[in-house]
Amino acid sequence: MSGAVKAPKIIVHHLNDSRSQRILWLLEELGLSYEIQEFFRTPELTAPDELKAIHPLGKAPIITDGDVVLAESGAIVEYLIDKYGPQFKPSEANKVTNLYWTHYAEGSLMPILVNQLIFTIVPERAPFFLRPLLWLVFGQLRAKLTEPRLRENAAWIVSHLEKTPGEWFAGDDHPTSADFMMVFALEAWSSRGVDYLPKLKQYVEKIHARPAYKRGLERGGKYAYA
């Protein structure tokens, strides 16, 4: 006698303190069954080589859903919402706004934040006798290159949220792919004690208060940005 066909379980290949935490939040909002395979950063803060057995580039997040193996958090967010989460799609009127902020997160904001992080890490990890010089050089890079751009982007994001009903990025009364994408950048950014981000901190705190986010955090383990 043949049994019922068992639906494939989604597997999240989850790296600590990474973009994969937002995938757990989305999966909890969707109420989907999933399994976590944990990976931990190396002392150099990079993903371990074991992830390359799942995807050639070896970066998290990666999900498997049956025969589908998918990397890139933006692709994963759009795939999951398209397949399982119509309730998180934007309204017709807000599709273009949602499209912009979904891609702005990694296309515009994250590269600046990553540069800011690199400009901080390099002098911290340099030989002791080089640190004073490197702090001076990289401090100037932050002051001239990344900090002005971050302030400009902060003002742009805040102005958008202040005029957006419900203060979700697309303008609907529920989160959309734009919010699932923006959260990691704003978590990482606001966790650094920047004094010009109170509105963005409020947005992050609103997400952190959601039951689904809390469940994802509990399942994902220690997370530096929450």
N, C-alpha and C. Protein backbone atom coordinates (compact mmCIF):
# COMPACT_ATOMS: atom_id res chain seq x y z
N MET A 1 0.86 -1.19 0.00
CA MET A 1 0.00 0.00 0.00
C MET A 1 0.89 1.23 0.00
N SER A 2 0.62 2.14 -0.91
CA SER A 2 1.46 3.34 -0.98
C SER A 2 0.95 4.38 0.00
N GLY A 3 1.91 5.07 0.63
CA GLY A 3 1.55 6.12 1.58
C GLY A 3 1.43 7.45 0.89
N ALA A 4 1.01 8.45 1.65
CA ALA A 4 0.88 9.80 1.11
C ALA A 4 2.26 10.36 0.81
N VAL A 5 2.32 11.16 -0.23
CA VAL A 5 3.57 11.81 -0.59
C VAL A 5 3.87 12.90 0.43
N LYS A 6 5.05 12.85 1.00
CA LYS A 6 5.43 13.83 2.02
C LYS A 6 5.98 15.08 1.36
N ALA A 7 5.44 16.22 1.75
CA ALA A 7 5.92 17.49 1.19
C ALA A 7 7.36 17.73 1.62
N PRO A 8 8.20 18.20 0.71
CA PRO A 8 9.59 18.47 1.09
C PRO A 8 9.68 19.58 2.13
N LYS A 9 10.61 19.41 3.03
CA LYS A 9 10.80 20.42 4.07
C LYS A 9 11.86 21.42 3.62
N ILE A 10 11.59 22.66 3.89
CA ILE A 10 12.56 23.70 3.58
C ILE A 10 13.72 23.60 4.57
N ILE A 11 14.93 23.68 4.05
CA ILE A 11 16.12 23.69 4.89
C ILE A 11 16.80 25.05 4.71
N VAL A 12 17.10 25.69 5.83
CA VAL A 12 17.84 26.94 5.82
C VAL A 12 19.27 26.65 6.26
N HIS A 13 20.20 26.92 5.40
CA HIS A 13 21.62 26.78 5.74
C HIS A 13 22.04 28.12 6.33
N HIS A 14 22.07 28.14 7.64
CA HIS A 14 22.05 29.38 8.43
C HIS A 14 23.43 29.69 9.01
N LEU A 15 23.92 30.88 8.68
CA LEU A 15 25.20 31.36 9.21
C LEU A 15 24.93 32.36 10.31
N ASN A 16 25.64 32.22 11.42
CA ASN A 16 25.41 33.12 12.55
C ASN A 16 25.72 34.58 12.16
N ASP A 17 24.99 35.50 12.76
CA ASP A 17 25.19 36.95 12.55
C ASP A 17 25.22 37.31 11.06
N SER A 18 24.24 36.84 10.34
CA SER A 18 24.25 37.07 8.91
C SER A 18 22.84 37.38 8.40
N ARG A 19 22.77 37.61 7.11
CA ARG A 19 21.51 37.91 6.45
C ARG A 19 20.51 36.76 6.57
N SER A 20 20.95 35.58 6.90
CA SER A 20 20.02 34.46 6.97
C SER A 20 19.01 34.59 8.11
N GLN A 21 19.28 35.47 9.08
CA GLN A 21 18.32 35.66 10.17
C GLN A 21 17.00 36.22 9.63
N ARG A 22 17.08 37.07 8.61
CA ARG A 22 15.83 37.63 8.08
C ARG A 22 15.02 36.56 7.35
N ILE A 23 15.68 35.52 6.86
CA ILE A 23 14.95 34.42 6.22
C ILE A 23 14.16 33.65 7.28
N LEU A 24 14.75 33.48 8.45
CA LEU A 24 14.02 32.81 9.54
C LEU A 24 12.80 33.62 9.95
N TRP A 25 12.96 34.95 10.01
CA TRP A 25 11.81 35.80 10.33
C TRP A 25 10.69 35.58 9.31
N LEU A 26 11.04 35.61 8.02
CA LEU A 26 10.03 35.43 6.97
C LEU A 26 9.37 34.06 7.08
N LEU A 27 10.14 33.01 7.29
CA LEU A 27 9.56 31.67 7.39
C LEU A 27 8.60 31.57 8.57
N GLU A 28 8.94 32.22 9.67
CA GLU A 28 8.04 32.21 10.82
C GLU A 28 6.77 32.99 10.53
N GLU A 29 6.88 34.12 9.83
CA GLU A 29 5.69 34.87 9.45
C GLU A 29 4.81 34.03 8.53
N LEU A 30 5.43 33.23 7.67
CA LEU A 30 4.68 32.39 6.74
C LEU A 30 4.10 31.15 7.41
N GLY A 31 4.59 30.81 8.59
CA GLY A 31 4.11 29.64 9.30
C GLY A 31 4.52 28.33 8.64
N LEU A 32 5.67 28.35 7.96
CA LEU A 32 6.13 27.16 7.25
C LEU A 32 7.01 26.28 8.14
N SER A 33 6.95 24.99 7.89
CA SER A 33 7.85 24.06 8.56
C SER A 33 9.22 24.14 7.89
N TYR A 34 10.27 24.23 8.70
CA TYR A 34 11.61 24.28 8.12
C TYR A 34 12.62 23.72 9.11
N GLU A 35 13.76 23.37 8.56
CA GLU A 35 14.87 22.83 9.35
C GLU A 35 16.05 23.79 9.21
N ILE A 36 16.83 23.90 10.25
CA ILE A 36 18.02 24.76 10.21
C ILE A 36 19.26 23.89 10.26
N GLN A 37 20.17 24.14 9.33
CA GLN A 37 21.52 23.58 9.41
C GLN A 37 22.46 24.73 9.73
N GLU A 38 23.08 24.66 10.89
CA GLU A 38 23.86 25.78 11.40
C GLU A 38 25.30 25.76 10.89
N PHE A 39 25.79 26.95 10.59
CA PHE A 39 27.19 27.17 10.24
C PHE A 39 27.68 28.38 11.02
N PHE A 40 28.96 28.39 11.32
CA PHE A 40 29.50 29.48 12.14
C PHE A 40 30.68 30.14 11.44
N ARG A 41 30.77 31.43 11.62
CA ARG A 41 31.83 32.20 10.98
C ARG A 41 33.20 31.78 11.49
N THR A 42 34.19 31.91 10.63
CA THR A 42 35.58 31.64 11.00
C THR A 42 36.11 32.80 11.83
N PRO A 43 37.29 32.67 12.43
CA PRO A 43 37.89 33.80 13.15
C PRO A 43 38.06 35.05 12.29
N GLU A 44 38.14 34.86 10.97
CA GLU A 44 38.25 36.00 10.04
C GLU A 44 36.87 36.55 9.68
N LEU A 45 35.82 36.04 10.32
CA LEU A 45 34.43 36.48 10.14
C LEU A 45 33.84 36.07 8.80
N THR A 46 34.48 35.17 8.08
CA THR A 46 33.96 34.70 6.81
C THR A 46 33.16 33.41 7.01
N ALA A 47 32.39 33.04 6.00
CA ALA A 47 31.63 31.79 6.06
C ALA A 47 32.59 30.61 5.94
N PRO A 48 32.30 29.49 6.60
CA PRO A 48 33.19 28.33 6.50
C PRO A 48 33.10 27.66 5.14
N ASP A 49 34.16 26.96 4.76
CA ASP A 49 34.21 26.30 3.45
C ASP A 49 33.13 25.23 3.28
N GLU A 50 32.62 24.71 4.39
CA GLU A 50 31.61 23.66 4.30
C GLU A 50 30.37 24.12 3.52
N LEU A 51 30.09 25.42 3.51
CA LEU A 51 28.93 25.91 2.77
C LEU A 51 29.07 25.71 1.27
N LYS A 52 30.32 25.57 0.79
CA LYS A 52 30.54 25.39 -0.64
C LYS A 52 30.04 24.02 -1.13
N ALA A 53 29.82 23.11 -0.20
CA ALA A 53 29.24 21.82 -0.59
C ALA A 53 27.76 21.97 -0.95
N ILE A 54 27.16 23.08 -0.52
CA ILE A 54 25.74 23.31 -0.80
C ILE A 54 25.57 24.24 -1.99
N HIS A 55 26.41 25.27 -2.03
CA HIS A 55 26.40 26.21 -3.16
C HIS A 55 27.85 26.60 -3.46
N PRO A 56 28.24 26.63 -4.73
CA PRO A 56 29.65 26.85 -5.07
C PRO A 56 30.27 28.11 -4.48
N LEU A 57 29.48 29.17 -4.27
CA LEU A 57 30.05 30.40 -3.72
C LEU A 57 30.17 30.36 -2.20
N GLY A 58 29.49 29.42 -1.56
CA GLY A 58 29.67 29.21 -0.14
C GLY A 58 29.27 30.36 0.74
N LYS A 59 28.21 31.07 0.38
CA LYS A 59 27.74 32.18 1.19
C LYS A 59 26.34 31.92 1.68
N ALA A 60 26.03 32.44 2.87
CA ALA A 60 24.69 32.28 3.42
C ALA A 60 23.92 33.59 3.23
N PRO A 61 22.57 33.49 3.17
CA PRO A 61 21.79 32.28 3.34
C PRO A 61 21.67 31.46 2.05
N ILE A 62 21.39 30.19 2.26
CA ILE A 62 21.01 29.28 1.18
C ILE A 62 19.80 28.51 1.70
N ILE A 63 18.82 28.29 0.85
CA ILE A 63 17.73 27.38 1.23
C ILE A 63 17.66 26.25 0.22
N THR A 64 17.17 25.12 0.68
CA THR A 64 16.76 24.06 -0.21
C THR A 64 15.27 23.81 0.03
N ASP A 65 14.54 23.70 -1.05
CA ASP A 65 13.10 23.47 -1.00
C ASP A 65 12.79 22.41 -2.05
N GLY A 66 12.81 21.14 -1.61
CA GLY A 66 12.70 20.07 -2.59
C GLY A 66 13.94 20.06 -3.47
N ASP A 67 13.76 20.16 -4.78
CA ASP A 67 14.88 20.16 -5.71
C ASP A 67 15.50 21.54 -5.89
N VAL A 68 14.90 22.55 -5.31
CA VAL A 68 15.38 23.92 -5.46
C VAL A 68 16.50 24.19 -4.46
N VAL A 69 17.63 24.66 -4.95
CA VAL A 69 18.72 25.14 -4.11
C VAL A 69 18.91 26.60 -4.48
N LEU A 70 18.70 27.50 -3.52
CA LEU A 70 18.67 28.92 -3.85
C LEU A 70 19.50 29.72 -2.86
N ALA A 71 20.42 30.52 -3.39
CA ALA A 71 21.21 31.45 -2.60
C ALA A 71 20.74 32.87 -2.89
N GLU A 72 21.37 33.83 -2.22
CA GLU A 72 21.05 35.26 -2.30
C GLU A 72 19.75 35.54 -1.56
N SER A 73 19.87 36.32 -0.48
CA SER A 73 18.70 36.53 0.38
C SER A 73 17.57 37.24 -0.36
N GLY A 74 17.90 38.16 -1.28
CA GLY A 74 16.83 38.81 -2.03
C GLY A 74 16.05 37.83 -2.88
N ALA A 75 16.76 36.93 -3.54
CA ALA A 75 16.09 35.90 -4.35
C ALA A 75 15.26 34.98 -3.47
N ILE A 76 15.80 34.63 -2.30
CA ILE A 76 15.08 33.73 -1.39
C ILE A 76 13.80 34.39 -0.89
N VAL A 77 13.89 35.64 -0.49
CA VAL A 77 12.71 36.36 0.00
C VAL A 77 11.64 36.41 -1.08
N GLU A 78 12.01 36.77 -2.29
CA GLU A 78 11.02 36.86 -3.37
C GLU A 78 10.44 35.49 -3.71
N TYR A 79 11.29 34.46 -3.71
CA TYR A 79 10.82 33.10 -4.00
C TYR A 79 9.80 32.65 -2.97
N LEU A 80 10.11 32.83 -1.69
CA LEU A 80 9.22 32.35 -0.63
C LEU A 80 7.90 33.09 -0.63
N ILE A 81 7.95 34.40 -0.83
CA ILE A 81 6.69 35.17 -0.85
C ILE A 81 5.87 34.79 -2.07
N ASP A 82 6.53 34.65 -3.22
CA ASP A 82 5.80 34.30 -4.44
C ASP A 82 5.15 32.93 -4.34
N LYS A 83 5.84 31.97 -3.69
CA LYS A 83 5.33 30.60 -3.64
C LYS A 83 4.39 30.36 -2.46
N TYR A 84 4.69 30.98 -1.32
CA TYR A 84 3.97 30.62 -0.10
C TYR A 84 3.27 31.79 0.60
N GLY A 85 3.56 33.03 0.20
CA GLY A 85 3.10 34.15 1.02
C GLY A 85 2.42 35.28 0.29
N PRO A 86 1.29 35.03 -0.39
CA PRO A 86 0.61 36.13 -1.07
C PRO A 86 0.21 37.26 -0.13
N GLN A 87 0.04 36.94 1.16
CA GLN A 87 -0.35 37.98 2.12
C GLN A 87 0.76 39.01 2.35
N PHE A 88 1.96 38.70 1.89
CA PHE A 88 3.08 39.65 2.06
C PHE A 88 3.46 40.34 0.76
N LYS A 89 2.64 40.16 -0.26
CA LYS A 89 2.87 40.90 -1.49
C LYS A 89 2.33 42.32 -1.35
N PRO A 90 2.92 43.28 -2.05
CA PRO A 90 2.41 44.65 -1.97
C PRO A 90 1.12 44.80 -2.75
N SER A 91 0.37 45.83 -2.41
CA SER A 91 -0.80 46.15 -3.21
C SER A 91 -0.36 46.62 -4.59
N GLU A 92 -1.28 46.61 -5.51
CA GLU A 92 -0.95 47.04 -6.88
C GLU A 92 -0.39 48.45 -6.89
N ALA A 93 -0.97 49.31 -6.06
CA ALA A 93 -0.53 50.71 -6.03
C ALA A 93 0.89 50.89 -5.51
N ASN A 94 1.36 49.91 -4.71
CA ASN A 94 2.67 50.06 -4.06
C ASN A 94 3.74 49.12 -4.62
N LYS A 95 3.46 48.50 -5.76
CA LYS A 95 4.42 47.54 -6.32
C LYS A 95 5.77 48.17 -6.64
N VAL A 96 5.75 49.34 -7.25
CA VAL A 96 7.00 49.97 -7.64
C VAL A 96 7.79 50.42 -6.42
N THR A 97 7.11 50.94 -5.41
CA THR A 97 7.79 51.34 -4.17
C THR A 97 8.43 50.14 -3.51
N ASN A 98 7.68 49.04 -3.47
CA ASN A 98 8.23 47.82 -2.89
C ASN A 98 9.43 47.32 -3.67
N LEU A 99 9.35 47.37 -5.00
CA LEU A 99 10.45 46.94 -5.84
C LEU A 99 11.71 47.75 -5.56
N TYR A 100 11.54 49.06 -5.44
CA TYR A 100 12.70 49.92 -5.19
C TYR A 100 13.39 49.57 -3.87
N TRP A 101 12.63 49.54 -2.78
CA TRP A 101 13.25 49.33 -1.47
C TRP A 101 13.78 47.91 -1.30
N THR A 102 13.14 46.95 -1.96
CA THR A 102 13.66 45.58 -1.93
C THR A 102 15.08 45.52 -2.47
N HIS A 103 15.34 46.25 -3.54
CA HIS A 103 16.65 46.21 -4.18
C HIS A 103 17.62 47.27 -3.64
N TYR A 104 17.07 48.34 -3.09
CA TYR A 104 17.90 49.37 -2.47
C TYR A 104 18.72 48.79 -1.32
N ALA A 105 18.13 47.88 -0.57
CA ALA A 105 18.78 47.33 0.64
C ALA A 105 20.18 46.81 0.35
N GLU A 106 20.30 45.96 -0.66
CA GLU A 106 21.60 45.38 -0.99
C GLU A 106 22.32 46.15 -2.10
N GLY A 107 21.57 46.84 -2.94
CA GLY A 107 22.19 47.54 -4.05
C GLY A 107 22.84 48.86 -3.68
N SER A 108 22.24 49.59 -2.73
CA SER A 108 22.76 50.92 -2.37
C SER A 108 23.28 50.99 -0.94
N LEU A 109 22.47 50.50 0.02
CA LEU A 109 22.82 50.72 1.42
C LEU A 109 23.91 49.78 1.93
N MET A 110 23.79 48.48 1.68
CA MET A 110 24.75 47.54 2.25
C MET A 110 26.19 47.76 1.78
N PRO A 111 26.45 48.13 0.52
CA PRO A 111 27.84 48.37 0.14
C PRO A 111 28.51 49.48 0.97
N ILE A 112 27.76 50.52 1.32
CA ILE A 112 28.34 51.59 2.14
C ILE A 112 28.61 51.07 3.55
N LEU A 113 27.66 50.31 4.10
CA LEU A 113 27.84 49.77 5.45
C LEU A 113 29.00 48.78 5.51
N VAL A 114 29.17 47.99 4.47
CA VAL A 114 30.28 47.04 4.42
C VAL A 114 31.61 47.80 4.36
N ASN A 115 31.68 48.85 3.55
CA ASN A 115 32.91 49.66 3.50
C ASN A 115 33.21 50.29 4.85
N GLN A 116 32.18 50.77 5.51
CA GLN A 116 32.36 51.37 6.84
C GLN A 116 32.93 50.33 7.81
N LEU A 117 32.40 49.11 7.73
CA LEU A 117 32.89 48.03 8.59
C LEU A 117 34.34 47.69 8.28
N ILE A 118 34.69 47.60 7.00
CA ILE A 118 36.07 47.28 6.60
C ILE A 118 37.02 48.36 7.08
N PHE A 119 36.62 49.63 6.95
CA PHE A 119 37.47 50.73 7.38
C PHE A 119 37.69 50.72 8.89
N THR A 120 36.82 50.02 9.63
CA THR A 120 36.99 49.88 11.08
C THR A 120 37.82 48.65 11.42
N ILE A 121 37.56 47.55 10.72
CA ILE A 121 38.22 46.28 11.03
C ILE A 121 39.71 46.30 10.70
N VAL A 122 40.07 46.90 9.58
CA VAL A 122 41.47 46.87 9.13
C VAL A 122 42.42 47.42 10.20
N PRO A 123 42.21 48.62 10.73
CA PRO A 123 43.13 49.10 11.76
C PRO A 123 43.06 48.29 13.06
N GLU A 124 41.88 47.78 13.39
CA GLU A 124 41.74 46.98 14.61
C GLU A 124 42.58 45.71 14.54
N ARG A 125 42.72 45.14 13.35
CA ARG A 125 43.39 43.85 13.21
C ARG A 125 44.83 43.97 12.71
N ALA A 126 45.28 45.19 12.51
CA ALA A 126 46.65 45.41 12.04
C ALA A 126 47.65 45.18 13.17
N PRO A 127 48.92 44.92 12.85
CA PRO A 127 49.96 44.84 13.88
C PRO A 127 49.96 46.11 14.74
N PHE A 128 50.26 45.92 15.99
CA PHE A 128 50.12 47.01 16.97
C PHE A 128 50.84 48.28 16.53
N PHE A 129 52.05 48.16 16.00
CA PHE A 129 52.84 49.35 15.66
C PHE A 129 52.28 50.11 14.47
N LEU A 130 51.40 49.46 13.67
CA LEU A 130 50.80 50.12 12.52
C LEU A 130 49.46 50.78 12.84
N ARG A 131 48.88 50.43 13.97
CA ARG A 131 47.52 50.88 14.25
C ARG A 131 47.34 52.39 14.28
N PRO A 132 48.24 53.14 14.94
CA PRO A 132 48.02 54.61 14.96
C PRO A 132 47.94 55.21 13.56
N LEU A 133 48.82 54.79 12.66
CA LEU A 133 48.79 55.31 11.30
C LEU A 133 47.52 54.88 10.57
N LEU A 134 47.15 53.59 10.73
CA LEU A 134 45.99 53.09 10.02
C LEU A 134 44.69 53.69 10.57
N TRP A 135 44.64 53.93 11.88
CA TRP A 135 43.46 54.60 12.43
C TRP A 135 43.30 55.98 11.81
N LEU A 136 44.43 56.67 11.61
CA LEU A 136 44.38 58.00 11.00
C LEU A 136 43.90 57.90 9.54
N VAL A 137 44.49 56.98 8.77
CA VAL A 137 44.14 56.85 7.36
C VAL A 137 42.69 56.40 7.18
N PHE A 138 42.31 55.33 7.89
CA PHE A 138 40.96 54.80 7.70
C PHE A 138 39.92 55.68 8.37
N GLY A 139 40.32 56.42 9.40
CA GLY A 139 39.41 57.41 9.98
C GLY A 139 39.06 58.49 8.97
N GLN A 140 40.05 58.91 8.19
CA GLN A 140 39.80 59.88 7.14
C GLN A 140 38.90 59.31 6.04
N LEU A 141 39.12 58.03 5.72
CA LEU A 141 38.26 57.40 4.72
C LEU A 141 36.81 57.37 5.20
N ARG A 142 36.61 57.03 6.46
CA ARG A 142 35.25 57.04 6.99
C ARG A 142 34.66 58.44 6.96
N ALA A 143 35.45 59.42 7.38
CA ALA A 143 34.95 60.79 7.46
C ALA A 143 34.64 61.37 6.09
N LYS A 144 35.45 61.03 5.10
CA LYS A 144 35.29 61.64 3.77
C LYS A 144 34.40 60.83 2.83
N LEU A 145 34.42 59.50 2.98
CA LEU A 145 33.74 58.65 2.01
C LEU A 145 32.43 58.05 2.51
N THR A 146 32.49 57.33 3.63
CA THR A 146 31.30 56.57 4.02
C THR A 146 30.35 57.34 4.93
N GLU A 147 30.88 58.10 5.88
CA GLU A 147 30.00 58.76 6.84
C GLU A 147 29.06 59.76 6.17
N PRO A 148 29.52 60.62 5.26
CA PRO A 148 28.57 61.52 4.60
C PRO A 148 27.50 60.78 3.80
N ARG A 149 27.89 59.69 3.16
CA ARG A 149 26.91 58.92 2.38
C ARG A 149 25.90 58.23 3.30
N LEU A 150 26.36 57.77 4.46
CA LEU A 150 25.43 57.14 5.41
C LEU A 150 24.44 58.16 5.95
N ARG A 151 24.91 59.34 6.26
CA ARG A 151 23.98 60.38 6.74
C ARG A 151 22.96 60.74 5.67
N GLU A 152 23.41 60.82 4.45
CA GLU A 152 22.50 61.13 3.34
C GLU A 152 21.46 60.03 3.19
N ASN A 153 21.89 58.77 3.27
CA ASN A 153 20.96 57.66 3.15
C ASN A 153 20.01 57.58 4.34
N ALA A 154 20.52 57.88 5.53
CA ALA A 154 19.65 57.88 6.71
C ALA A 154 18.52 58.90 6.54
N ALA A 155 18.86 60.10 6.07
CA ALA A 155 17.85 61.13 5.88
C ALA A 155 16.81 60.69 4.84
N TRP A 156 17.28 60.03 3.79
CA TRP A 156 16.38 59.55 2.73
C TRP A 156 15.43 58.48 3.27
N ILE A 157 15.96 57.53 4.03
CA ILE A 157 15.11 56.46 4.57
C ILE A 157 14.09 57.02 5.55
N VAL A 158 14.55 57.89 6.44
CA VAL A 158 13.65 58.47 7.44
C VAL A 158 12.54 59.27 6.77
N SER A 159 12.90 60.06 5.77
CA SER A 159 11.87 60.87 5.09
C SER A 159 10.83 59.97 4.44
N HIS A 160 11.27 58.83 3.93
CA HIS A 160 10.32 57.89 3.32
C HIS A 160 9.40 57.28 4.37
N LEU A 161 9.97 56.80 5.46
CA LEU A 161 9.16 56.15 6.50
C LEU A 161 8.16 57.13 7.12
N GLU A 162 8.56 58.37 7.28
CA GLU A 162 7.68 59.35 7.92
C GLU A 162 6.44 59.67 7.08
N LYS A 163 6.54 59.50 5.79
CA LYS A 163 5.38 59.81 4.94
C LYS A 163 4.67 58.55 4.46
N THR A 164 5.08 57.40 4.98
CA THR A 164 4.51 56.12 4.53
C THR A 164 3.48 55.62 5.53
N PRO A 165 2.25 55.40 5.12
CA PRO A 165 1.23 54.88 6.05
C PRO A 165 1.67 53.55 6.67
N GLY A 166 1.51 53.45 7.97
CA GLY A 166 1.87 52.22 8.67
C GLY A 166 3.36 52.05 8.87
N GLU A 167 4.16 52.89 8.21
CA GLU A 167 5.61 52.87 8.32
C GLU A 167 6.23 51.53 7.94
N TRP A 168 5.56 50.81 7.02
CA TRP A 168 6.20 49.71 6.31
C TRP A 168 6.70 50.26 4.99
N PHE A 169 7.79 49.72 4.49
CA PHE A 169 8.47 50.38 3.38
C PHE A 169 7.63 50.51 2.12
N ALA A 170 6.82 49.52 1.80
CA ALA A 170 6.03 49.61 0.57
C ALA A 170 4.84 50.53 0.71
N GLY A 171 4.41 50.78 1.96
CA GLY A 171 3.26 51.64 2.18
C GLY A 171 1.96 50.90 2.46
N ASP A 172 2.03 49.58 2.55
CA ASP A 172 0.84 48.80 2.92
C ASP A 172 0.78 48.65 4.44
N ASP A 173 -0.25 47.94 4.91
CA ASP A 173 -0.42 47.77 6.36
C ASP A 173 0.24 46.50 6.86
N HIS A 174 1.18 45.96 6.09
CA HIS A 174 1.87 44.72 6.46
C HIS A 174 3.27 44.76 5.86
N PRO A 175 4.20 43.99 6.40
CA PRO A 175 5.53 43.93 5.80
C PRO A 175 5.48 43.26 4.43
N THR A 176 6.42 43.66 3.58
CA THR A 176 6.56 43.07 2.26
C THR A 176 8.03 42.70 2.08
N SER A 177 8.39 42.28 0.87
CA SER A 177 9.79 41.91 0.65
C SER A 177 10.74 43.05 0.99
N ALA A 178 10.31 44.29 0.81
CA ALA A 178 11.16 45.43 1.14
C ALA A 178 11.56 45.43 2.61
N ASP A 179 10.64 45.10 3.49
CA ASP A 179 10.94 45.07 4.92
C ASP A 179 11.82 43.89 5.29
N PHE A 180 11.54 42.74 4.70
CA PHE A 180 12.37 41.57 4.99
C PHE A 180 13.80 41.79 4.49
N MET A 181 13.97 42.60 3.46
CA MET A 181 15.31 42.91 2.97
C MET A 181 15.97 44.03 3.74
N MET A 182 15.23 45.05 4.11
CA MET A 182 15.82 46.21 4.77
C MET A 182 16.24 45.92 6.21
N VAL A 183 15.62 44.96 6.85
CA VAL A 183 15.82 44.80 8.29
C VAL A 183 17.27 44.52 8.65
N PHE A 184 17.97 43.69 7.89
CA PHE A 184 19.34 43.34 8.28
C PHE A 184 20.25 44.56 8.25
N ALA A 185 20.16 45.34 7.19
CA ALA A 185 21.00 46.54 7.09
C ALA A 185 20.72 47.49 8.24
N LEU A 186 19.45 47.69 8.57
CA LEU A 186 19.10 48.64 9.63
C LEU A 186 19.45 48.09 11.01
N GLU A 187 19.36 46.78 11.19
CA GLU A 187 19.81 46.17 12.45
C GLU A 187 21.31 46.39 12.65
N ALA A 188 22.08 46.04 11.63
CA ALA A 188 23.54 46.16 11.75
C ALA A 188 23.95 47.61 11.96
N TRP A 189 23.31 48.50 11.25
CA TRP A 189 23.64 49.93 11.30
C TRP A 189 23.29 50.53 12.65
N SER A 190 22.06 50.31 13.10
CA SER A 190 21.61 50.94 14.35
C SER A 190 22.26 50.33 15.58
N SER A 191 22.80 49.11 15.45
CA SER A 191 23.45 48.48 16.60
C SER A 191 24.80 49.10 16.92
N ARG A 192 25.31 49.96 16.05
CA ARG A 192 26.63 50.56 16.25
C ARG A 192 26.59 51.86 17.05
N GLY A 193 25.43 52.18 17.62
CA GLY A 193 25.35 53.35 18.48
C GLY A 193 25.39 54.66 17.73
N VAL A 194 24.96 54.68 16.47
CA VAL A 194 24.97 55.91 15.68
C VAL A 194 23.89 56.84 16.21
N ASP A 195 24.24 58.10 16.41
CA ASP A 195 23.32 59.01 17.11
C ASP A 195 22.25 59.65 16.23
N TYR A 196 22.30 59.43 14.92
CA TYR A 196 21.32 60.09 14.05
C TYR A 196 20.29 59.10 13.51
N LEU A 197 20.09 57.99 14.19
CA LEU A 197 19.19 56.96 13.68
C LEU A 197 18.00 56.64 14.59
N PRO A 198 17.47 57.57 15.37
CA PRO A 198 16.37 57.16 16.27
C PRO A 198 15.16 56.61 15.54
N LYS A 199 14.82 57.19 14.40
CA LYS A 199 13.65 56.70 13.65
C LYS A 199 13.90 55.29 13.13
N LEU A 200 15.12 55.03 12.68
CA LEU A 200 15.43 53.70 12.17
C LEU A 200 15.48 52.68 13.29
N LYS A 201 15.93 53.09 14.46
CA LYS A 201 15.91 52.19 15.62
C LYS A 201 14.47 51.83 15.98
N GLN A 202 13.57 52.79 15.89
CA GLN A 202 12.15 52.51 16.19
C GLN A 202 11.60 51.48 15.22
N TYR A 203 11.97 51.61 13.97
CA TYR A 203 11.51 50.65 12.96
C TYR A 203 12.04 49.25 13.28
N VAL A 204 13.32 49.14 13.63
CA VAL A 204 13.91 47.85 13.98
C VAL A 204 13.24 47.28 15.21
N GLU A 205 12.99 48.11 16.21
CA GLU A 205 12.35 47.64 17.45
C GLU A 205 10.94 47.13 17.17
N LYS A 206 10.23 47.77 16.23
CA LYS A 206 8.89 47.31 15.86
C LYS A 206 8.95 45.89 15.30
N ILE A 207 9.94 45.63 14.47
CA ILE A 207 10.10 44.30 13.91
C ILE A 207 10.51 43.31 14.99
N HIS A 208 11.44 43.70 15.85
CA HIS A 208 11.91 42.80 16.90
C HIS A 208 10.80 42.42 17.87
N ALA A 209 9.78 43.26 17.95
CA ALA A 209 8.66 42.97 18.86
C ALA A 209 7.66 41.99 18.27
N ARG A 210 7.75 41.70 17.00
CA ARG A 210 6.79 40.80 16.36
C ARG A 210 7.02 39.36 16.85
N PRO A 211 5.95 38.64 17.19
CA PRO A 211 6.12 37.26 17.66
C PRO A 211 6.88 36.38 16.68
N ALA A 212 6.62 36.55 15.40
CA ALA A 212 7.32 35.72 14.40
C ALA A 212 8.82 36.00 14.41
N TYR A 213 9.19 37.26 14.58
CA TYR A 213 10.62 37.58 14.64
C TYR A 213 11.25 36.92 15.87
N LYS A 214 10.56 36.99 16.98
CA LYS A 214 11.08 36.39 18.21
C LYS A 214 11.25 34.88 18.06
N ARG A 215 10.31 34.23 17.39
CA ARG A 215 10.44 32.79 17.17
C ARG A 215 11.63 32.49 16.28
N GLY A 216 11.81 33.27 15.24
CA GLY A 216 12.96 33.07 14.36
C GLY A 216 14.27 33.29 15.09
N LEU A 217 14.29 34.27 15.97
CA LEU A 217 15.49 34.55 16.75
C LEU A 217 15.81 33.40 17.71
N GLU A 218 14.77 32.86 18.31
CA GLU A 218 14.95 31.73 19.22
C GLU A 218 15.50 30.51 18.48
N ARG A 219 15.01 30.28 17.29
CA ARG A 219 15.48 29.13 16.53
C ARG A 219 16.87 29.35 15.94
N GLY A 220 17.17 30.59 15.58
CA GLY A 220 18.45 30.86 14.94
C GLY A 220 19.62 30.97 15.87
N GLY A 221 19.36 31.17 17.16
CA GLY A 221 20.46 31.24 18.12
C GLY A 221 20.99 32.66 18.28
N LYS A 222 22.06 32.78 19.00
CA LYS A 222 22.63 34.09 19.34
C LYS A 222 22.85 34.93 18.09
N TYR A 223 22.41 36.19 18.18
CA TYR A 223 22.43 37.10 17.02
C TYR A 223 22.89 38.46 17.51
N ALA A 224 23.97 38.95 16.95
CA ALA A 224 24.62 40.16 17.47
C ALA A 224 23.77 41.41 17.31
N TYR A 225 22.78 41.38 16.43
CA TYR A 225 22.05 42.61 16.11
C TYR A 225 20.66 42.67 16.72
N ALA A 226 20.36 41.78 17.63
CA ALA A 226 19.07 41.81 18.31
C ALA A 226 19.28 41.56 19.79
